Amino acid sequence: MGRPTRWSTDTGPDHSRWYVDRFRQLAAEGADLGGEARLLDAMVAPG
């Protein structure tokens, strides 16, 4: 394997905890987390 990336060297072990916590909070508040995906699915033809 090559040299480690900045992503692995410049972030701590809890680097994404804020992101996970934010989306858990949104889900707990009843936010529609899949709404954008459903909108695109309805607008774009398959394939």
Protein backbone atom coordinates (compact mmCIF):
# COMPACT_ATOMS: atom_id res chain seq x y z
CA MET A 1 0.00 0.00 0.00
CA GLY A 2 1.14 3.58 -0.62
CA ARG A 3 1.52 6.48 1.74
CA PRO A 4 -1.40 7.19 4.06
CA THR A 5 -3.81 9.90 2.92
CA ARG A 6 -4.42 13.17 4.76
CA TRP A 7 -7.88 11.84 5.61
CA SER A 8 -6.37 9.09 7.73
CA THR A 9 -3.57 11.18 9.23
CA ASP A 10 -5.33 14.51 9.90
CA THR A 11 -8.46 13.21 11.58
CA GLY A 12 -8.95 11.69 14.99
CA PRO A 13 -10.79 8.49 15.80
CA ASP A 14 -14.04 10.42 16.41
CA HIS A 15 -13.81 12.59 13.30
CA SER A 16 -17.26 11.66 11.98
CA ARG A 17 -19.10 11.48 15.28
CA TRP A 18 -20.66 14.94 14.74
CA TYR A 19 -22.07 13.77 11.40
CA VAL A 20 -23.59 10.61 12.86
CA ASP A 21 -25.00 12.53 15.83
CA ARG A 22 -26.51 15.17 13.53
CA PHE A 23 -28.38 12.62 11.44
CA ARG A 24 -29.54 10.73 14.52
CA GLN A 25 -30.92 14.03 15.81
CA LEU A 26 -32.67 14.74 12.50
CA ALA A 27 -34.24 11.27 12.46
CA ALA A 28 -35.40 11.66 16.06
CA GLU A 29 -37.05 14.96 15.10
CA GLY A 30 -38.93 13.22 12.28
CA ALA A 31 -36.97 14.71 9.39
CA ASP A 32 -37.50 13.06 6.01
CA LEU A 33 -33.98 11.76 5.44
CA GLY A 34 -34.86 9.92 2.23
CA GLY A 35 -36.95 12.64 0.60
CA GLU A 36 -34.33 13.83 -1.89
CA ALA A 37 -33.65 10.29 -3.07
CA ARG A 38 -37.37 9.66 -3.61
CA LEU A 39 -37.71 12.95 -5.51
CA LEU A 40 -34.89 12.04 -7.90
CA ASP A 41 -36.25 8.54 -8.30
CA ALA A 42 -39.60 10.02 -9.34
CA MET A 43 -38.03 12.53 -11.75
CA VAL A 44 -35.38 10.45 -13.52
CA ALA A 45 -36.25 7.57 -15.79
CA PRO A 46 -34.68 4.21 -14.90
CA GLY A 47 -31.51 3.31 -16.77
